[in-house]
Protein backbone atom coordinates (compact mmCIF):
# COMPACT_ATOMS: atom_id res chain seq x y z
CA UNK A 1 267.89 71.47 131.23
CA UNK A 2 266.90 71.40 127.54
CA UNK A 3 265.24 74.67 126.50
CA UNK A 4 264.49 76.60 123.35
CA UNK A 5 266.48 79.79 122.80
CA UNK A 6 264.93 82.41 120.52
CA UNK A 7 267.23 85.22 119.39
CA UNK A 8 266.17 88.26 117.34
CA UNK A 9 266.28 87.70 113.57
CA UNK A 10 267.30 84.03 113.97
CA UNK A 11 265.53 80.70 113.98
CA UNK A 12 265.01 79.14 117.41
CA UNK A 13 267.23 76.26 118.52
CA UNK A 14 267.44 73.82 121.39
CA UNK A 15 270.22 74.37 123.95
CA UNK A 16 271.16 72.74 127.22
CA UNK A 17 271.70 75.03 130.20
CA UNK A 18 272.19 74.30 133.89
CA UNK A 19 268.96 76.08 134.79
CA UNK A 20 270.35 78.08 137.70
CA UNK A 21 269.66 81.82 137.95
CA UNK A 22 273.06 82.81 136.52
CA UNK A 23 272.66 80.63 133.40
CA UNK A 24 269.17 82.02 132.78
CA UNK A 25 270.43 85.60 133.20
CA UNK A 26 273.38 84.92 130.90
CA UNK A 27 271.07 83.53 128.22
CA UNK A 28 268.76 86.57 128.20
CA UNK A 29 271.41 89.19 128.96
CA UNK A 30 270.16 90.50 132.30
CA UNK A 31 267.54 90.16 135.01
CA UNK A 32 264.93 87.55 134.16
CA UNK A 33 261.18 87.77 133.96
CA UNK A 34 258.98 84.68 133.53
CA UNK A 35 255.78 84.97 131.50
CA UNK A 36 253.12 82.26 131.21
CA UNK A 37 251.06 83.17 128.12
CA UNK A 38 250.09 79.65 127.03
CA UNK A 39 247.96 76.82 128.41
CA UNK A 40 250.90 74.42 127.99
CA UNK A 41 253.24 73.88 130.96
CA UNK A 42 255.86 76.29 129.57
CA UNK A 43 257.37 79.60 130.63
CA UNK A 44 258.83 82.34 128.47
CA UNK A 45 261.94 83.59 130.26
CA UNK A 46 263.06 86.97 128.95
CA UNK A 47 265.07 90.03 129.97
CA UNK A 48 262.94 91.93 132.47
CA UNK A 49 264.19 95.27 131.12
CA UNK A 50 264.47 94.31 127.45
CA UNK A 51 262.18 97.05 126.14
CA UNK A 52 263.56 99.71 128.50
CA UNK A 53 267.12 98.87 127.43
CA UNK A 54 266.16 99.12 123.76
CA UNK A 55 267.03 95.49 122.98
CA UNK A 56 266.07 94.37 119.46
CA UNK A 57 262.40 93.50 119.10
CA UNK A 58 262.15 89.74 118.74
CA UNK A 59 258.75 87.98 118.53
CA UNK A 60 255.12 88.71 119.27
CA UNK A 61 253.21 86.97 122.03
CA UNK A 62 249.84 86.39 120.43
CA UNK A 63 248.08 89.73 120.02
CA UNK A 64 248.95 91.42 123.27
CA UNK A 65 252.70 91.89 123.68
CA UNK A 66 256.11 91.87 122.02
CA UNK A 67 259.32 90.46 123.49
CA UNK A 68 262.54 92.45 123.16
CA UNK A 69 265.87 90.62 123.21
CA UNK A 70 266.70 86.94 123.44
CA UNK A 71 264.27 84.70 125.31
CA UNK A 72 263.96 81.08 126.39
CA UNK A 73 261.03 78.70 126.29
CA UNK A 74 261.31 76.39 129.29
CA UNK A 75 259.21 73.53 130.52
CA UNK A 76 257.68 73.68 133.99
CA UNK A 77 257.86 71.23 136.86
CA UNK A 78 255.79 71.56 140.03
CA UNK A 79 258.11 74.19 141.52
CA UNK A 80 260.64 75.33 138.94
CA UNK A 81 261.68 75.60 135.32
CA UNK A 82 262.40 72.28 133.64
CA UNK A 83 263.37 70.76 130.30
CA UNK A 84 260.87 70.99 127.48
CA UNK A 85 259.28 67.67 126.55
CA UNK A 86 260.06 66.59 122.96
CA UNK A 87 256.44 67.34 121.98
CA UNK A 88 256.49 70.85 123.43
CA UNK A 89 259.95 71.51 121.97
CA UNK A 90 258.64 70.63 118.50
CA UNK A 91 255.50 72.74 118.98
CA UNK A 92 257.41 75.87 120.04
CA UNK A 93 260.19 75.38 117.47
CA UNK A 94 257.40 75.64 114.88
CA UNK A 95 255.60 78.49 116.65
CA UNK A 96 258.69 80.71 116.75
CA UNK A 97 260.33 79.33 113.56
CA UNK A 98 260.20 82.56 111.56
CA UNK A 99 261.92 85.70 112.83
CA UNK A 100 259.73 88.78 112.71
CA UNK A 101 260.07 92.48 112.08
CA UNK A 102 257.44 94.93 113.22
CA UNK A 103 255.67 97.83 111.53
CA UNK A 104 253.12 100.29 112.80
CA UNK A 105 250.03 100.32 110.60
CA UNK A 106 247.48 102.82 111.84
CA UNK A 107 246.98 102.15 115.52
CA UNK A 108 248.27 98.56 115.36
CA UNK A 109 251.72 96.99 115.35
CA UNK A 110 251.98 94.23 112.76
CA UNK A 111 254.50 91.37 112.81
CA UNK A 112 255.99 90.41 109.45
CA UNK A 113 257.89 87.10 109.10
CA UNK A 114 261.38 87.45 107.61
CA UNK A 115 264.21 85.20 106.52
CA UNK A 116 266.85 84.77 109.27
CA UNK A 117 270.03 86.82 108.91
CA UNK A 118 272.19 83.70 108.78
CA UNK A 119 270.18 82.37 105.81
CA UNK A 120 270.44 85.49 103.66
CA UNK A 121 272.56 84.93 100.59
CA UNK A 122 273.86 87.02 97.75
CA UNK A 123 272.18 86.02 94.50
CA UNK A 124 274.46 84.11 92.13
CA UNK A 125 274.90 85.26 88.56
CA UNK A 126 273.29 82.92 86.07
CA UNK A 127 275.64 83.91 83.30
CA UNK A 128 279.01 85.49 82.87
CA UNK A 129 278.96 89.30 83.10
CA UNK A 130 279.52 91.11 79.81
CA UNK A 131 283.03 92.32 79.10
CA UNK A 132 283.57 95.76 77.63
CA UNK A 133 286.60 97.39 76.07
CA UNK A 134 287.17 101.01 76.97
């Protein structure tokens, strides 16, 4: 089953998993919970206890919730999770493309896009450092 995996502070990527309960639990690091926040035939599969366990905050779900820990975006068949169609995979790769950090501003929690950890680089010197004699 081809699904999107979204890890905290990383860009999402497509992975292939068997789709059985154990593979879903392994991907999210514990008991699973399925959420259906969109009109598309997709499910967000996340760790049911992610917030309680203090897993890293990952992405916002519109304006009403935040997911903690790694989650999957799966397609839906009539009775179960399924592979994402290429169109839905592209849509949700874009939707979750930028990792987010969260700040409390007044009574609201605001999501701020960040650069993924694996893309952070140390700036290169444009010129040779000065040499000094002591």
